[in-house]
PDB file of N, CA and C in Angstrom:
ATOM      1  N   MET A   1     120.032 133.784 135.127  1.00  0.00           N
ATOM      2  CA  MET A   1     119.716 133.381 133.784  1.00  0.00           C
ATOM      3  C   MET A   1     118.908 132.094 133.795  1.00  0.00           C
ATOM      4  N   ALA A   2     117.969 132.032 132.893  1.00  0.00           N
ATOM      5  CA  ALA A   2     117.154 130.830 132.764  1.00  0.00           C
ATOM      6  C   ALA A   2     117.906 129.790 131.949  1.00  0.00           C
ATOM      7  N   ARG A   3     117.853 128.560 132.411  1.00  0.00           N
ATOM      8  CA  ARG A   3     118.514 127.474 131.682  1.00  0.00           C
ATOM      9  C   ARG A   3     117.521 126.864 130.711  1.00  0.00           C
ATOM     10  N   LYS A   4     117.987 126.586 129.527  1.00  0.00           N
ATOM     11  CA  LYS A   4     117.136 125.912 128.558  1.00  0.00           C
ATOM     12  C   LYS A   4     117.117 124.427 128.868  1.00  0.00           C
ATOM     13  N   ALA A   5     115.934 123.859 128.829  1.00  0.00           N
ATOM     14  CA  ALA A   5     115.811 122.430 129.058  1.00  0.00           C
ATOM     15  C   ALA A   5     116.297 121.691 127.822  1.00  0.00           C
ATOM     16  N   LYS A   6     117.071 120.657 128.033  1.00  0.00           N
ATOM     17  CA  LYS A   6     117.529 119.855 126.903  1.00  0.00           C
ATOM     18  C   LYS A   6     116.351 119.064 126.365  1.00  0.00           C
ATOM     19  N   LYS A   7     116.222 119.062 125.055  1.00  0.00           N
ATOM     20  CA  LYS A   7     115.131 118.335 124.436  1.00  0.00           C
ATOM     21  C   LYS A   7     115.517 116.871 124.289  1.00  0.00           C
ATOM     22  N   LYS A   8     114.555 116.002 124.538  1.00  0.00           N
ATOM     23  CA  LYS A   8     114.811 114.581 124.396  1.00  0.00           C
ATOM     24  C   LYS A   8     114.950 114.243 122.921  1.00  0.00           C
ATOM     25  N   THR A   9     115.851 113.333 122.642  1.00  0.00           N
ATOM     26  CA  THR A   9     116.052 112.905 121.268  1.00  0.00           C
ATOM     27  C   THR A   9     115.765 111.418 121.135  1.00  0.00           C
ATOM     28  N   VAL A  10     115.524 111.010 119.905  1.00  0.00           N
ATOM     29  CA  VAL A  10     115.249 109.623 119.588  1.00  0.00           C
ATOM     30  C   VAL A  10     116.167 109.232 118.442  1.00  0.00           C
ATOM     31  N   GLN A  11     116.796 108.088 118.570  1.00  0.00           N
ATOM     32  CA  GLN A  11     117.646 107.574 117.502  1.00  0.00           C
ATOM     33  C   GLN A  11     116.854 106.507 116.758  1.00  0.00           C
ATOM     34  N   ILE A  12     116.742 106.676 115.442  1.00  0.00           N
ATOM     35  CA  ILE A  12     115.910 105.797 114.626  1.00  0.00           C
ATOM     36  C   ILE A  12     116.794 105.109 113.605  1.00  0.00           C
ATOM     37  N   THR A  13     116.672 103.776 113.512  1.00  0.00           N
ATOM     38  CA  THR A  13     117.440 102.994 112.561  1.00  0.00           C
ATOM     39  C   THR A  13     116.480 102.205 111.687  1.00  0.00           C
ATOM     40  N   LEU A  14     116.681 102.252 110.384  1.00  0.00           N
ATOM     41  CA  LEU A  14     115.878 101.460 109.451  1.00  0.00           C
ATOM     42  C   LEU A  14     116.431 100.044 109.463  1.00  0.00           C
ATOM     43  N   VAL A  15     115.657  99.081 109.934  1.00  0.00           N
ATOM     44  CA  VAL A  15     116.135  97.707 110.045  1.00  0.00           C
ATOM     45  C   VAL A  15     115.577  96.813 108.951  1.00  0.00           C
ATOM     46  N   ARG A  16     114.513  97.253 108.295  1.00  0.00           N
ATOM     47  CA  ARG A  16     113.947  96.492 107.184  1.00  0.00           C
ATOM     48  C   ARG A  16     113.744  97.430 106.010  1.00  0.00           C
ATOM     49  N   SER A  17     113.906  96.916 104.822  1.00  0.00           N
ATOM     50  CA  SER A  17     113.729  97.717 103.623  1.00  0.00           C
ATOM     51  C   SER A  17     112.260  98.110 103.467  1.00  0.00           C
ATOM     52  N   SER A  18     112.032  99.264 102.868  1.00  0.00           N
ATOM     53  CA  SER A  18     110.652  99.707 102.638  1.00  0.00           C
ATOM     54  C   SER A  18     110.114  99.194 101.307  1.00  0.00           C
ATOM     55  N   LEU A  19     110.927  98.440 100.571  1.00  0.00           N
ATOM     56  CA  LEU A  19     110.437  97.830  99.330  1.00  0.00           C
ATOM     57  C   LEU A  19     109.310  96.858  99.656  1.00  0.00           C
ATOM     58  N   GLY A  20     108.277  96.889  98.869  1.00  0.00           N
ATOM     59  CA  GLY A  20     107.153  95.992  99.084  1.00  0.00           C
ATOM     60  C   GLY A  20     106.124  96.529 100.061  1.00  0.00           C
ATOM     61  N   THR A  21     106.352  97.716 100.603  1.00  0.00           N
ATOM     62  CA  THR A  21     105.381  98.326 101.510  1.00  0.00           C
ATOM     63  C   THR A  21     104.554  99.346 100.737  1.00  0.00           C
ATOM     64  N   SER A  22     103.571  99.897 101.384  1.00  0.00           N
ATOM     65  CA  SER A  22     102.710 100.872 100.715  1.00  0.00           C
ATOM     66  C   SER A  22     103.478 102.176 100.457  1.00  0.00           C
ATOM     67  N   GLY A  23     102.986 102.942  99.520  1.00  0.00           N
ATOM     68  CA  GLY A  23     103.610 104.219  99.195  1.00  0.00           C
ATOM     69  C   GLY A  23     103.626 105.168 100.371  1.00  0.00           C
ATOM     70  N   ARG A  24     102.602 105.102 101.214  1.00  0.00           N
ATOM     71  CA  ARG A  24     102.558 105.961 102.395  1.00  0.00           C
ATOM     72  C   ARG A  24     103.677 105.606 103.362  1.00  0.00           C
ATOM     73  N   HIS A  25     103.950 104.315 103.528  1.00  0.00           N
ATOM     74  CA  HIS A  25     105.031 103.899 104.426  1.00  0.00           C
ATOM     75  C   HIS A  25     106.379 104.316 103.859  1.00  0.00           C
ATOM     76  N   ARG A  26     106.572 104.143 102.543  1.00  0.00           N
ATOM     77  CA  ARG A  26     107.823 104.573 101.917  1.00  0.00           C
ATOM     78  C   ARG A  26     108.021 106.074 102.079  1.00  0.00           C
ATOM     79  N   GLY A  27     106.934 106.839 101.931  1.00  0.00           N
ATOM     80  CA  GLY A  27     107.014 108.287 102.106  1.00  0.00           C
ATOM     81  C   GLY A  27     107.368 108.674 103.531  1.00  0.00           C
ATOM     82  N   THR A  28     106.811 107.963 104.490  1.00  0.00           N
ATOM     83  CA  THR A  28     107.104 108.246 105.890  1.00  0.00           C
ATOM     84  C   THR A  28     108.564 107.946 106.210  1.00  0.00           C
ATOM     85  N   VAL A  29     109.076 106.841 105.691  1.00  0.00           N
ATOM     86  CA  VAL A  29     110.479 106.487 105.915  1.00  0.00           C
ATOM     87  C   VAL A  29     111.382 107.569 105.331  1.00  0.00           C
ATOM     88  N   ARG A  30     111.070 108.060 104.133  1.00  0.00           N
ATOM     89  CA  ARG A  30     111.868 109.120 103.515  1.00  0.00           C
ATOM     90  C   ARG A  30     111.756 110.421 104.306  1.00  0.00           C
ATOM     91  N   ALA A  31     110.564 110.723 104.801  1.00  0.00           N
ATOM     92  CA  ALA A  31     110.369 111.949 105.573  1.00  0.00           C
ATOM     93  C   ALA A  31     111.153 111.908 106.883  1.00  0.00           C
ATOM     94  N   LEU A  32     111.375 110.719 107.407  1.00  0.00           N
ATOM     95  CA  LEU A  32     112.197 110.575 108.613  1.00  0.00           C
ATOM     96  C   LEU A  32     113.677 110.770 108.304  1.00  0.00           C
ATOM     97  N   GLY A  33     114.034 110.760 107.031  1.00  0.00           N
ATOM     98  CA  GLY A  33     115.419 110.959 106.638  1.00  0.00           C
ATOM     99  C   GLY A  33     116.194 109.670 106.484  1.00  0.00           C
ATOM    100  N   LEU A  34     115.481 108.551 106.493  1.00  0.00           N
ATOM    101  CA  LEU A  34     116.149 107.259 106.358  1.00  0.00           C
ATOM    102  C   LEU A  34     116.260 106.901 104.887  1.00  0.00           C
ATOM    103  N   ARG A  35     117.470 106.540 104.459  1.00  0.00           N
ATOM    104  CA  ARG A  35     117.716 106.319 103.037  1.00  0.00           C
ATOM    105  C   ARG A  35     117.915 104.859 102.668  1.00  0.00           C
ATOM    106  N   ARG A  36     118.492 104.075 103.551  1.00  0.00           N
ATOM    107  CA  ARG A  36     118.808 102.679 103.222  1.00  0.00           C
ATOM    108  C   ARG A  36     118.780 101.871 104.528  1.00  0.00           C
ATOM    109  N   PRO A  37     118.685 100.542 104.434  1.00  0.00           N
ATOM    110  CA  PRO A  37     118.725  99.726 105.652  1.00  0.00           C
ATOM    111  C   PRO A  37     119.999  99.969 106.457  1.00  0.00           C
ATOM    112  N   ARG A  38     119.868  99.944 107.768  1.00  0.00           N
ATOM    113  CA  ARG A  38     120.920 100.206 108.761  1.00  0.00           C
ATOM    114  C   ARG A  38     121.350 101.663 108.809  1.00  0.00           C
ATOM    115  N   HIS A  39     120.610 102.563 108.160  1.00  0.00           N
ATOM    116  CA  HIS A  39     120.877 103.994 108.239  1.00  0.00           C
ATOM    117  C   HIS A  39     120.237 104.506 109.522  1.00  0.00           C
ATOM    118  N   THR A  40     120.948 105.333 110.267  1.00  0.00           N
ATOM    119  CA  THR A  40     120.471 105.842 111.551  1.00  0.00           C
ATOM    120  C   THR A  40     120.406 107.355 111.512  1.00  0.00           C
ATOM    121  N   VAL A  41     119.318 107.905 112.058  1.00  0.00           N
ATOM    122  CA  VAL A  41     119.158 109.349 112.177  1.00  0.00           C
ATOM    123  C   VAL A  41     118.718 109.670 113.595  1.00  0.00           C
ATOM    124  N   GLN A  42     118.866 110.922 113.976  1.00  0.00           N
ATOM    125  CA  GLN A  42     118.461 111.374 115.299  1.00  0.00           C
ATOM    126  C   GLN A  42     117.494 112.535 115.139  1.00  0.00           C
ATOM    127  N   HIS A  43     116.365 112.478 115.876  1.00  0.00           N
ATOM    128  CA  HIS A  43     115.359 113.529 115.820  1.00  0.00           C
ATOM    129  C   HIS A  43     114.949 113.912 117.231  1.00  0.00           C
ATOM    130  N   VAL A  44     114.427 115.129 117.374  1.00  0.00           N
ATOM    131  CA  VAL A  44     113.852 115.569 118.648  1.00  0.00           C
ATOM    132  C   VAL A  44     112.519 114.846 118.830  1.00  0.00           C
ATOM    133  N   ASP A  45     112.278 114.357 120.021  1.00  0.00           N
ATOM    134  CA  ASP A  45     111.074 113.585 120.317  1.00  0.00           C
ATOM    135  C   ASP A  45     109.864 114.513 120.401  1.00  0.00           C
ATOM    136  N   THR A  46     108.943 114.388 119.450  1.00  0.00           N
ATOM    137  CA  THR A  46     107.717 115.180 119.416  1.00  0.00           C
ATOM    138  C   THR A  46     106.536 114.247 119.179  1.00  0.00           C
ATOM    139  N   PRO A  47     105.324 114.696 119.469  1.00  0.00           N
ATOM    140  CA  PRO A  47     104.145 113.872 119.182  1.00  0.00           C
ATOM    141  C   PRO A  47     104.007 113.551 117.693  1.00  0.00           C
ATOM    142  N   GLN A  48     104.380 114.486 116.822  1.00  0.00           N
ATOM    143  CA  GLN A  48     104.298 114.244 115.385  1.00  0.00           C
ATOM    144  C   GLN A  48     105.253 113.127 114.970  1.00  0.00           C
ATOM    145  N   LEU A  49     106.457 113.149 115.530  1.00  0.00           N
ATOM    146  CA  LEU A  49     107.441 112.116 115.231  1.00  0.00           C
ATOM    147  C   LEU A  49     106.943 110.766 115.729  1.00  0.00           C
ATOM    148  N   ARG A  50     106.376 110.734 116.922  1.00  0.00           N
ATOM    149  CA  ARG A  50     105.870 109.475 117.477  1.00  0.00           C
ATOM    150  C   ARG A  50     104.764 108.888 116.601  1.00  0.00           C
ATOM    151  N   GLY A  51     103.931 109.746 116.017  1.00  0.00           N
ATOM    152  CA  GLY A  51     102.891 109.272 115.110  1.00  0.00           C
ATOM    153  C   GLY A  51     103.488 108.651 113.863  1.00  0.00           C
ATOM    154  N   MET A  52     104.533 109.276 113.325  1.00  0.00           N
ATOM    155  CA  MET A  52     105.205 108.728 112.146  1.00  0.00           C
ATOM    156  C   MET A  52     105.844 107.378 112.480  1.00  0.00           C
ATOM    157  N   LEU A  53     106.462 107.289 113.649  1.00  0.00           N
ATOM    158  CA  LEU A  53     107.115 106.048 114.044  1.00  0.00           C
ATOM    159  C   LEU A  53     106.097 104.926 114.266  1.00  0.00           C
ATOM    160  N   ALA A  54     104.918 105.275 114.737  1.00  0.00           N
ATOM    161  CA  ALA A  54     103.872 104.271 114.942  1.00  0.00           C
ATOM    162  C   ALA A  54     103.445 103.650 113.619  1.00  0.00           C
ATOM    163  N   LYS A  55     103.455 104.440 112.549  1.00  0.00           N
ATOM    164  CA  LYS A  55     103.051 103.953 111.231  1.00  0.00           C
ATOM    165  C   LYS A  55     104.063 102.985 110.633  1.00  0.00           C
ATOM    166  N   VAL A  56     105.339 103.186 110.933  1.00  0.00           N
ATOM    167  CA  VAL A  56     106.383 102.344 110.335  1.00  0.00           C
ATOM    168  C   VAL A  56     107.154 101.563 111.396  1.00  0.00           C
ATOM    169  N   ALA A  57     106.514 101.253 112.503  1.00  0.00           N
ATOM    170  CA  ALA A  57     107.182 100.568 113.619  1.00  0.00           C
ATOM    171  C   ALA A  57     107.743  99.207 113.205  1.00  0.00           C
ATOM    172  N   HIS A  58     107.145  98.586 112.204  1.00  0.00           N
ATOM    173  CA  HIS A  58     107.612  97.274 111.756  1.00  0.00           C
ATOM    174  C   HIS A  58     108.882  97.368 110.907  1.00  0.00           C
ATOM    175  N   LEU A  59     109.278  98.579 110.534  1.00  0.00           N
ATOM    176  CA  LEU A  59     110.460  98.776 109.676  1.00  0.00           C
ATOM    177  C   LEU A  59     111.637  99.395 110.423  1.00  0.00           C
ATOM    178  N   VAL A  60     111.393 100.019 111.578  1.00  0.00           N
ATOM    179  CA  VAL A  60     112.437 100.766 112.258  1.00  0.00           C
ATOM    180  C   VAL A  60     112.679 100.256 113.663  1.00  0.00           C
ATOM    181  N   GLU A  61     113.857 100.622 114.188  1.00  0.00           N
ATOM    182  CA  GLU A  61     114.201 100.343 115.581  1.00  0.00           C
ATOM    183  C   GLU A  61     114.406 101.694 116.250  1.00  0.00           C
ATOM    184  N   ILE A  62     113.847 101.859 117.438  1.00  0.00           N
ATOM    185  CA  ILE A  62     113.869 103.155 118.118  1.00  0.00           C
ATOM    186  C   ILE A  62     114.667 103.023 119.409  1.00  0.00           C
ATOM    187  N   GLU A  63     115.600 103.958 119.606  1.00  0.00           N
ATOM    188  CA  GLU A  63     116.369 104.026 120.854  1.00  0.00           C
ATOM    189  C   GLU A  63     116.135 105.380 121.483  1.00  0.00           C
ATOM    190  N   GLU A  64     115.781 105.381 122.744  1.00  0.00           N
ATOM    191  CA  GLU A  64     115.534 106.629 123.468  1.00  0.00           C
ATOM    192  C   GLU A  64     116.863 107.340 123.705  1.00  0.00           C
ATOM    193  N   GLY A  65     116.834 108.640 123.579  1.00  0.00           N
ATOM    194  CA  GLY A  65     118.028 109.449 123.850  1.00  0.00           C
ATOM    195  C   GLY A  65     117.988 109.997 125.253  1.00  0.00           C
ATOM    196  N   ARG A  66     118.561 111.183 125.434  1.00  0.00           N
ATOM    197  CA  ARG A  66     118.602 111.845 126.744  1.00  0.00           C
ATOM    198  C   ARG A  66     117.239 112.246 127.213  1.00  0.00           C
TER     199      ARG A  66
END
């Protein structure tokens, strides 16, 4: 049987409020699933996710998963 490779995950925490930022940044934060400061979510690491994180890097903290 073929083993499925475990997908790498990224843990994202909103460390700064998105108030006072552009609407695009607020939309990106919401699309990541972050609702309030210190809220943490986990996503599969993809190029699309990395692009979103690059846009809001000043608002979030990123921890590498497995």
